[in-house]
Structure formats: structure tokens, C-alpha cells
Amino acid sequence: MKTMVEIREISSRDDAILKRIQAVWESSVRATHTFLTEADIVALRPEVWQGAEHIDQLYGFFDDDNALQGFIGVQGKKIEMLFVDAAARGQGIGGKLLRFATGTLGANAVDVNEQNGQGAAFYAHMGFEMAGRSALDEQGRPFPILHLEMR
């Protein structure tokens, strides 16, 4: 079993790291976003790549072999992305990344798909509360979004 050892900034966003980010995202989404169809996942892949490429603050959780196991992206004070590889779930990586974002980066808001019950429960457990709801996601798709804030 690999030991998770380090959160560090992902400053170089070359194709290799972006491919790994996309793979972690897809693994995580397949484990938690059961409401998405295969077509939805395929359609979202380019958005993940572009989001990871351009987000202001991107940090990864790396194991002792320097393999990315999870990542978090923050824009301003809002967490825009937090995903952990399905094979590494249950090891506290998501909590560590979230505490890093709130404690070190000052993030205090996050959106989560309403249909992602695991994600919504995780954020509630970590101290986030409902601040609003949108019937559609930011791209106008029929995936309701819960807007959460840490108070």
C-alpha cells in the first residue's frame, strides 16, 4: 500500500499531468456521479482538461511514488474541483485537500451536484452549509447544483 505524503502546487500544466488529472477525474466521477451517462462523461472530458489548464490555484495529492492521487482547484475563494482517484478513496485524501484549500488558500465556497449524494454529504460533514440551489449546472445542463458555503 502506498503512503500519501504530499500536497503540492501543480504549476506546470503539461500534457502528462493534464492526462493524469483527467484520469483521476474520470475514475472519481465513475465512482460517485452515477447519474451521469457515458455520453455525459465523454462530453465533460474537454471541460475538465480546460478547467485544470486555466484555474488559478491547482494542487495535487501525491503518493510516495510521486503519482497524483487527488487534486483540488480553487478560483478566488471558491473550490471549483476536488476529485480523488477511485482506488485511493477512503484514505482521507479528499479531507486533506479540502482542509488545505480552506485553511491555506482561504476557500469558503463550493458547488456540488445535487445528485452526488456522497459529495454533498462529504461537504456537509466538513462544515459546509447550503447557501442556494440552481436547477441547472453552469453550462445549462439539467444537473441541479447545490451552492455551499463554510460558515
N, C-alpha and C. Protein backbone atom coordinates (compact mmCIF):
# COMPACT_ATOMS: atom_id res chain seq x y z
N MET A 1 0.83 -1.19 0.00
CA MET A 1 0.00 0.00 0.00
C MET A 1 0.87 1.24 0.00
N LYS A 2 0.54 2.18 -0.86
CA LYS A 2 1.32 3.40 -0.98
C LYS A 2 0.95 4.37 0.13
N THR A 3 1.93 5.13 0.57
CA THR A 3 1.71 6.14 1.57
C THR A 3 1.51 7.48 0.87
N MET A 4 0.45 8.19 1.28
CA MET A 4 0.21 9.51 0.72
C MET A 4 1.07 10.49 1.49
N VAL A 5 1.89 11.25 0.79
CA VAL A 5 2.89 12.02 1.51
C VAL A 5 2.85 13.52 1.29
N GLU A 6 2.21 14.01 0.24
CA GLU A 6 2.44 15.41 -0.03
C GLU A 6 1.33 16.07 -0.85
N ILE A 7 0.95 17.26 -0.40
CA ILE A 7 0.13 18.15 -1.21
C ILE A 7 1.08 19.20 -1.76
N ARG A 8 1.03 19.40 -3.06
CA ARG A 8 1.88 20.44 -3.64
C ARG A 8 1.20 21.07 -4.85
N GLU A 9 1.63 22.27 -5.15
CA GLU A 9 1.06 23.01 -6.27
C GLU A 9 1.41 22.31 -7.58
N ILE A 10 0.45 22.30 -8.48
CA ILE A 10 0.69 21.81 -9.84
C ILE A 10 0.85 23.05 -10.70
N SER A 11 2.07 23.51 -10.82
CA SER A 11 2.32 24.76 -11.55
C SER A 11 2.57 24.51 -13.03
N SER A 12 3.22 23.41 -13.36
CA SER A 12 3.44 23.06 -14.75
C SER A 12 2.26 22.22 -15.22
N ARG A 13 1.54 22.73 -16.19
CA ARG A 13 0.33 22.03 -16.65
C ARG A 13 0.56 21.45 -18.04
N ASP A 14 1.55 20.57 -18.13
CA ASP A 14 1.86 19.94 -19.41
C ASP A 14 0.87 18.80 -19.69
N ASP A 15 0.97 18.24 -20.88
CA ASP A 15 0.03 17.20 -21.28
C ASP A 15 0.04 15.99 -20.35
N ALA A 16 1.21 15.62 -19.83
CA ALA A 16 1.30 14.44 -18.96
C ALA A 16 0.49 14.64 -17.69
N ILE A 17 0.64 15.77 -17.03
CA ILE A 17 -0.10 16.00 -15.79
C ILE A 17 -1.58 16.21 -16.09
N LEU A 18 -1.90 16.87 -17.19
CA LEU A 18 -3.31 17.07 -17.53
C LEU A 18 -3.99 15.74 -17.86
N LYS A 19 -3.28 14.82 -18.49
CA LYS A 19 -3.83 13.49 -18.75
C LYS A 19 -4.08 12.75 -17.44
N ARG A 20 -3.16 12.87 -16.48
CA ARG A 20 -3.34 12.21 -15.19
C ARG A 20 -4.51 12.85 -14.43
N ILE A 21 -4.63 14.17 -14.47
CA ILE A 21 -5.75 14.86 -13.83
C ILE A 21 -7.06 14.36 -14.42
N GLN A 22 -7.10 14.27 -15.73
CA GLN A 22 -8.32 13.80 -16.40
C GLN A 22 -8.63 12.35 -15.99
N ALA A 23 -7.60 11.52 -15.86
CA ALA A 23 -7.81 10.13 -15.46
C ALA A 23 -8.32 10.04 -14.01
N VAL A 24 -7.76 10.87 -13.11
CA VAL A 24 -8.23 10.89 -11.73
C VAL A 24 -9.68 11.37 -11.70
N TRP A 25 -9.98 12.44 -12.44
CA TRP A 25 -11.35 12.96 -12.51
C TRP A 25 -12.31 11.86 -12.96
N GLU A 26 -11.96 11.18 -14.06
CA GLU A 26 -12.87 10.17 -14.61
C GLU A 26 -13.07 9.01 -13.65
N SER A 27 -12.01 8.57 -13.01
CA SER A 27 -12.11 7.49 -12.04
C SER A 27 -13.03 7.90 -10.88
N SER A 28 -12.85 9.10 -10.40
CA SER A 28 -13.66 9.62 -9.31
C SER A 28 -15.12 9.77 -9.71
N VAL A 29 -15.35 10.34 -10.88
CA VAL A 29 -16.72 10.57 -11.36
C VAL A 29 -17.45 9.25 -11.57
N ARG A 30 -16.77 8.27 -12.11
CA ARG A 30 -17.42 6.96 -12.33
C ARG A 30 -17.81 6.32 -10.99
N ALA A 31 -17.07 6.63 -9.91
CA ALA A 31 -17.37 6.07 -8.60
C ALA A 31 -18.45 6.84 -7.84
N THR A 32 -18.63 8.12 -8.16
CA THR A 32 -19.51 8.95 -7.35
C THR A 32 -20.67 9.60 -8.10
N HIS A 33 -20.52 9.83 -9.38
CA HIS A 33 -21.52 10.55 -10.17
C HIS A 33 -22.34 9.56 -11.01
N THR A 34 -23.04 8.67 -10.32
CA THR A 34 -23.74 7.60 -11.01
C THR A 34 -24.90 8.10 -11.87
N PHE A 35 -25.27 9.34 -11.72
CA PHE A 35 -26.35 9.93 -12.53
C PHE A 35 -25.87 10.33 -13.92
N LEU A 36 -24.57 10.37 -14.14
CA LEU A 36 -24.04 10.73 -15.45
C LEU A 36 -24.05 9.52 -16.38
N THR A 37 -24.39 9.76 -17.63
CA THR A 37 -24.32 8.71 -18.64
C THR A 37 -22.90 8.68 -19.22
N GLU A 38 -22.62 7.64 -19.98
CA GLU A 38 -21.33 7.57 -20.67
C GLU A 38 -21.15 8.77 -21.59
N ALA A 39 -22.21 9.16 -22.29
CA ALA A 39 -22.15 10.33 -23.18
C ALA A 39 -21.85 11.61 -22.39
N ASP A 40 -22.41 11.74 -21.19
CA ASP A 40 -22.13 12.90 -20.35
C ASP A 40 -20.64 12.95 -19.98
N ILE A 41 -20.11 11.83 -19.58
CA ILE A 41 -18.69 11.77 -19.18
C ILE A 41 -17.80 12.13 -20.35
N VAL A 42 -18.07 11.57 -21.50
CA VAL A 42 -17.28 11.89 -22.70
C VAL A 42 -17.36 13.38 -23.02
N ALA A 43 -18.56 13.95 -22.92
CA ALA A 43 -18.74 15.37 -23.22
C ALA A 43 -18.04 16.27 -22.21
N LEU A 44 -17.90 15.82 -20.97
CA LEU A 44 -17.27 16.63 -19.93
C LEU A 44 -15.74 16.59 -19.97
N ARG A 45 -15.15 15.58 -20.57
CA ARG A 45 -13.69 15.45 -20.57
C ARG A 45 -12.96 16.72 -21.03
N PRO A 46 -13.34 17.32 -22.15
CA PRO A 46 -12.61 18.53 -22.57
C PRO A 46 -12.76 19.69 -21.57
N GLU A 47 -13.90 19.77 -20.90
CA GLU A 47 -14.11 20.83 -19.91
C GLU A 47 -13.17 20.64 -18.72
N VAL A 48 -12.94 19.40 -18.32
CA VAL A 48 -12.03 19.10 -17.22
C VAL A 48 -10.62 19.52 -17.60
N TRP A 49 -10.21 19.13 -18.79
CA TRP A 49 -8.87 19.48 -19.28
C TRP A 49 -8.69 21.00 -19.27
N GLN A 50 -9.64 21.70 -19.86
CA GLN A 50 -9.56 23.16 -19.94
C GLN A 50 -9.60 23.80 -18.55
N GLY A 51 -10.46 23.29 -17.69
CA GLY A 51 -10.55 23.82 -16.33
C GLY A 51 -9.24 23.66 -15.58
N ALA A 52 -8.63 22.49 -15.68
CA ALA A 52 -7.36 22.24 -15.00
C ALA A 52 -6.24 23.08 -15.59
N GLU A 53 -6.31 23.32 -16.87
CA GLU A 53 -5.30 24.13 -17.55
C GLU A 53 -5.31 25.58 -17.07
N HIS A 54 -6.50 26.11 -16.79
CA HIS A 54 -6.64 27.55 -16.59
C HIS A 54 -6.99 28.00 -15.18
N ILE A 55 -7.29 27.09 -14.28
CA ILE A 55 -7.65 27.50 -12.93
C ILE A 55 -6.45 28.14 -12.23
N ASP A 56 -6.71 29.15 -11.43
CA ASP A 56 -5.62 29.89 -10.78
C ASP A 56 -4.79 29.04 -9.84
N GLN A 57 -5.45 28.31 -8.95
CA GLN A 57 -4.72 27.54 -7.94
C GLN A 57 -5.09 26.06 -8.09
N LEU A 58 -4.09 25.26 -8.42
CA LEU A 58 -4.29 23.82 -8.61
C LEU A 58 -3.26 23.07 -7.78
N TYR A 59 -3.75 22.21 -6.91
CA TYR A 59 -2.87 21.45 -6.02
C TYR A 59 -3.20 19.98 -6.14
N GLY A 60 -2.16 19.16 -6.00
CA GLY A 60 -2.34 17.72 -6.08
C GLY A 60 -1.87 17.04 -4.83
N PHE A 61 -2.43 15.86 -4.61
CA PHE A 61 -2.01 14.99 -3.52
C PHE A 61 -1.23 13.85 -4.17
N PHE A 62 0.06 13.76 -3.84
CA PHE A 62 0.96 12.80 -4.48
C PHE A 62 1.39 11.73 -3.49
N ASP A 63 1.51 10.48 -3.97
CA ASP A 63 1.97 9.40 -3.10
C ASP A 63 3.50 9.33 -3.11
N ASP A 64 4.04 8.36 -2.41
CA ASP A 64 5.49 8.27 -2.28
C ASP A 64 6.19 7.88 -3.59
N ASP A 65 5.42 7.48 -4.60
CA ASP A 65 5.98 7.24 -5.94
C ASP A 65 5.77 8.45 -6.85
N ASN A 66 5.34 9.58 -6.26
CA ASN A 66 5.09 10.82 -7.00
C ASN A 66 3.90 10.69 -7.96
N ALA A 67 2.99 9.78 -7.68
CA ALA A 67 1.80 9.60 -8.51
C ALA A 67 0.67 10.44 -7.93
N LEU A 68 0.00 11.19 -8.80
CA LEU A 68 -1.13 12.02 -8.39
C LEU A 68 -2.30 11.12 -8.01
N GLN A 69 -2.81 11.30 -6.79
CA GLN A 69 -3.94 10.50 -6.29
C GLN A 69 -5.21 11.33 -6.15
N GLY A 70 -5.08 12.65 -6.12
CA GLY A 70 -6.23 13.53 -6.00
C GLY A 70 -5.80 14.94 -6.29
N PHE A 71 -6.78 15.82 -6.57
CA PHE A 71 -6.44 17.21 -6.84
C PHE A 71 -7.58 18.13 -6.44
N ILE A 72 -7.21 19.39 -6.22
CA ILE A 72 -8.19 20.41 -5.88
C ILE A 72 -7.83 21.68 -6.63
N GLY A 73 -8.85 22.34 -7.17
CA GLY A 73 -8.66 23.59 -7.89
C GLY A 73 -9.49 24.68 -7.25
N VAL A 74 -8.87 25.84 -7.02
CA VAL A 74 -9.54 26.96 -6.37
C VAL A 74 -9.39 28.20 -7.24
N GLN A 75 -10.50 28.89 -7.40
CA GLN A 75 -10.54 30.16 -8.13
C GLN A 75 -11.10 31.19 -7.16
N GLY A 76 -10.31 32.19 -6.81
CA GLY A 76 -10.74 33.14 -5.80
C GLY A 76 -10.90 32.42 -4.48
N LYS A 77 -12.09 32.45 -3.92
CA LYS A 77 -12.38 31.76 -2.65
C LYS A 77 -13.26 30.54 -2.85
N LYS A 78 -13.42 30.12 -4.11
CA LYS A 78 -14.32 29.01 -4.41
C LYS A 78 -13.57 27.77 -4.90
N ILE A 79 -13.90 26.64 -4.31
CA ILE A 79 -13.37 25.37 -4.77
C ILE A 79 -14.14 24.99 -6.02
N GLU A 80 -13.43 24.88 -7.12
CA GLU A 80 -14.06 24.57 -8.41
C GLU A 80 -13.97 23.09 -8.77
N MET A 81 -13.03 22.40 -8.15
CA MET A 81 -12.85 20.98 -8.45
C MET A 81 -12.14 20.30 -7.30
N LEU A 82 -12.62 19.13 -6.94
CA LEU A 82 -11.99 18.28 -5.94
C LEU A 82 -12.33 16.84 -6.31
N PHE A 83 -11.30 16.10 -6.69
CA PHE A 83 -11.51 14.72 -7.13
C PHE A 83 -10.37 13.85 -6.61
N VAL A 84 -10.73 12.63 -6.22
CA VAL A 84 -9.76 11.65 -5.72
C VAL A 84 -9.93 10.38 -6.55
N ASP A 85 -8.82 9.81 -6.98
CA ASP A 85 -8.85 8.57 -7.74
C ASP A 85 -9.65 7.52 -6.97
N ALA A 86 -10.50 6.80 -7.66
CA ALA A 86 -11.37 5.81 -7.00
C ALA A 86 -10.55 4.79 -6.20
N ALA A 87 -9.39 4.42 -6.69
CA ALA A 87 -8.56 3.43 -6.00
C ALA A 87 -7.98 3.99 -4.70
N ALA A 88 -7.98 5.30 -4.53
CA ALA A 88 -7.41 5.93 -3.33
C ALA A 88 -8.49 6.48 -2.40
N ARG A 89 -9.76 6.26 -2.74
CA ARG A 89 -10.85 6.75 -1.89
C ARG A 89 -10.81 6.08 -0.52
N GLY A 90 -11.30 6.79 0.48
CA GLY A 90 -11.38 6.24 1.82
C GLY A 90 -10.09 6.36 2.61
N GLN A 91 -9.11 7.06 2.08
CA GLN A 91 -7.82 7.20 2.75
C GLN A 91 -7.61 8.60 3.32
N GLY A 92 -8.64 9.44 3.26
CA GLY A 92 -8.54 10.79 3.83
C GLY A 92 -7.98 11.85 2.90
N ILE A 93 -7.76 11.50 1.65
CA ILE A 93 -7.16 12.45 0.71
C ILE A 93 -8.08 13.63 0.46
N GLY A 94 -9.37 13.38 0.22
CA GLY A 94 -10.30 14.46 -0.03
C GLY A 94 -10.36 15.44 1.14
N GLY A 95 -10.41 14.91 2.36
CA GLY A 95 -10.43 15.76 3.54
C GLY A 95 -9.18 16.59 3.68
N LYS A 96 -8.05 15.98 3.41
CA LYS A 96 -6.78 16.72 3.50
C LYS A 96 -6.73 17.83 2.46
N LEU A 97 -7.15 17.52 1.24
CA LEU A 97 -7.17 18.55 0.19
C LEU A 97 -8.14 19.68 0.55
N LEU A 98 -9.30 19.31 1.07
CA LEU A 98 -10.30 20.32 1.43
C LEU A 98 -9.80 21.19 2.58
N ARG A 99 -9.22 20.59 3.60
CA ARG A 99 -8.68 21.38 4.72
C ARG A 99 -7.56 22.29 4.26
N PHE A 100 -6.75 21.81 3.31
CA PHE A 100 -5.69 22.65 2.75
C PHE A 100 -6.29 23.86 2.04
N ALA A 101 -7.33 23.62 1.24
CA ALA A 101 -7.95 24.71 0.48
C ALA A 101 -8.61 25.73 1.40
N THR A 102 -9.28 25.26 2.44
CA THR A 102 -9.96 26.20 3.35
C THR A 102 -8.96 26.87 4.29
N GLY A 103 -8.01 26.12 4.79
CA GLY A 103 -7.06 26.66 5.76
C GLY A 103 -5.95 27.48 5.16
N THR A 104 -5.38 27.01 4.08
CA THR A 104 -4.22 27.67 3.48
C THR A 104 -4.61 28.65 2.38
N LEU A 105 -5.57 28.26 1.56
CA LEU A 105 -5.95 29.10 0.42
C LEU A 105 -7.15 30.01 0.72
N GLY A 106 -7.80 29.81 1.85
CA GLY A 106 -8.93 30.65 2.24
C GLY A 106 -10.22 30.38 1.50
N ALA A 107 -10.33 29.22 0.87
CA ALA A 107 -11.57 28.88 0.15
C ALA A 107 -12.71 28.69 1.15
N ASN A 108 -13.89 29.18 0.78
CA ASN A 108 -15.03 29.04 1.69
C ASN A 108 -16.34 28.73 0.96
N ALA A 109 -16.27 28.38 -0.31
CA ALA A 109 -17.47 28.06 -1.08
C ALA A 109 -17.16 26.92 -2.04
N VAL A 110 -18.22 26.16 -2.35
CA VAL A 110 -18.10 25.06 -3.30
C VAL A 110 -19.49 24.75 -3.84
N ASP A 111 -19.55 24.30 -5.07
CA ASP A 111 -20.78 23.80 -5.66
C ASP A 111 -20.66 22.29 -5.79
N VAL A 112 -21.77 21.60 -5.60
CA VAL A 112 -21.78 20.15 -5.74
C VAL A 112 -23.07 19.75 -6.45
N ASN A 113 -22.97 18.75 -7.30
CA ASN A 113 -24.18 18.25 -7.96
C ASN A 113 -25.13 17.69 -6.89
N GLU A 114 -26.36 18.10 -6.96
CA GLU A 114 -27.37 17.62 -6.02
C GLU A 114 -27.49 16.09 -6.07
N GLN A 115 -27.34 15.52 -7.26
CA GLN A 115 -27.47 14.07 -7.43
C GLN A 115 -26.26 13.30 -6.91
N ASN A 116 -25.19 14.01 -6.55
CA ASN A 116 -24.00 13.39 -5.99
C ASN A 116 -24.13 13.40 -4.47
N GLY A 117 -24.91 12.46 -3.96
CA GLY A 117 -25.17 12.40 -2.52
C GLY A 117 -23.92 12.22 -1.68
N GLN A 118 -22.96 11.44 -2.19
CA GLN A 118 -21.71 11.24 -1.45
C GLN A 118 -20.96 12.55 -1.30
N GLY A 119 -20.89 13.31 -2.40
CA GLY A 119 -20.19 14.59 -2.36
C GLY A 119 -20.87 15.59 -1.44
N ALA A 120 -22.19 15.68 -1.53
CA ALA A 120 -22.94 16.61 -0.69
C ALA A 120 -22.76 16.25 0.79
N ALA A 121 -22.80 14.96 1.11
CA ALA A 121 -22.62 14.52 2.49
C ALA A 121 -21.20 14.82 2.98
N PHE A 122 -20.21 14.63 2.12
CA PHE A 122 -18.82 14.93 2.47
C PHE A 122 -18.66 16.40 2.83
N TYR A 123 -19.17 17.29 1.99
CA TYR A 123 -19.02 18.72 2.26
C TYR A 123 -19.78 19.12 3.52
N ALA A 124 -20.96 18.55 3.75
CA ALA A 124 -21.71 18.85 4.97
C ALA A 124 -20.91 18.40 6.20
N HIS A 125 -20.33 17.21 6.10
CA HIS A 125 -19.51 16.68 7.19
C HIS A 125 -18.31 17.59 7.48
N MET A 126 -17.79 18.23 6.44
CA MET A 126 -16.62 19.09 6.58
C MET A 126 -16.99 20.53 6.98
N GLY A 127 -18.27 20.79 7.22
CA GLY A 127 -18.67 22.10 7.73
C GLY A 127 -19.31 23.04 6.75
N PHE A 128 -19.59 22.58 5.54
CA PHE A 128 -20.25 23.45 4.55
C PHE A 128 -21.76 23.37 4.74
N GLU A 129 -22.43 24.49 4.49
CA GLU A 129 -23.87 24.58 4.62
C GLU A 129 -24.47 25.11 3.33
N MET A 130 -25.74 24.79 3.13
CA MET A 130 -26.45 25.21 1.92
C MET A 130 -26.60 26.73 1.90
N ALA A 131 -26.22 27.31 0.76
CA ALA A 131 -26.40 28.75 0.57
C ALA A 131 -27.34 29.04 -0.59
N GLY A 132 -27.64 28.03 -1.39
CA GLY A 132 -28.54 28.20 -2.53
C GLY A 132 -28.56 26.97 -3.40
N ARG A 133 -29.41 27.02 -4.42
CA ARG A 133 -29.57 25.89 -5.34
C ARG A 133 -29.90 26.43 -6.71
N SER A 134 -29.33 25.80 -7.72
CA SER A 134 -29.66 26.11 -9.11
C SER A 134 -30.20 24.85 -9.77
N ALA A 135 -31.25 24.99 -10.59
CA ALA A 135 -31.86 23.83 -11.25
C ALA A 135 -30.97 23.26 -12.34
N LEU A 136 -30.10 24.11 -12.91
CA LEU A 136 -29.20 23.70 -13.99
C LEU A 136 -27.76 23.93 -13.58
N ASP A 137 -26.82 23.21 -14.22
CA ASP A 137 -25.41 23.48 -13.96
C ASP A 137 -24.98 24.73 -14.74
N GLU A 138 -23.71 25.12 -14.60
CA GLU A 138 -23.22 26.35 -15.23
C GLU A 138 -23.32 26.34 -16.75
N GLN A 139 -23.36 25.16 -17.34
CA GLN A 139 -23.46 25.04 -18.80
C GLN A 139 -24.91 24.86 -19.24
N GLY A 140 -25.86 24.97 -18.32
CA GLY A 140 -27.27 24.88 -18.67
C GLY A 140 -27.80 23.46 -18.78
N ARG A 141 -27.03 22.49 -18.31
CA ARG A 141 -27.47 21.09 -18.35
C ARG A 141 -28.37 20.80 -17.14
N PRO A 142 -29.25 19.81 -17.26
CA PRO A 142 -30.22 19.52 -16.19
C PRO A 142 -29.61 18.74 -15.02
N PHE A 143 -28.55 19.27 -14.44
CA PHE A 143 -27.92 18.69 -13.27
C PHE A 143 -27.97 19.74 -12.16
N PRO A 144 -28.96 19.65 -11.27
CA PRO A 144 -29.10 20.66 -10.21
C PRO A 144 -27.83 20.79 -9.38
N ILE A 145 -27.54 22.02 -9.00
CA ILE A 145 -26.33 22.34 -8.25
C ILE A 145 -26.69 22.90 -6.88
N LEU A 146 -26.02 22.40 -5.86
CA LEU A 146 -26.14 22.96 -4.52
C LEU A 146 -24.95 23.89 -4.31
N HIS A 147 -25.24 25.11 -3.91
CA HIS A 147 -24.19 26.10 -3.61
C HIS A 147 -23.97 26.07 -2.10
N LEU A 148 -22.76 25.72 -1.72
CA LEU A 148 -22.43 25.53 -0.31
C LEU A 148 -21.39 26.56 0.13
N GLU A 149 -21.47 26.95 1.40
CA GLU A 149 -20.50 27.88 1.99
C GLU A 149 -20.10 27.38 3.36
N MET A 150 -18.85 27.67 3.70
CA MET A 150 -18.38 27.36 5.05
C MET A 150 -18.68 28.59 5.89
N ARG A 151 -19.34 28.35 7.01
CA ARG A 151 -19.72 29.49 7.87
C ARG A 151 -19.02 29.44 9.20
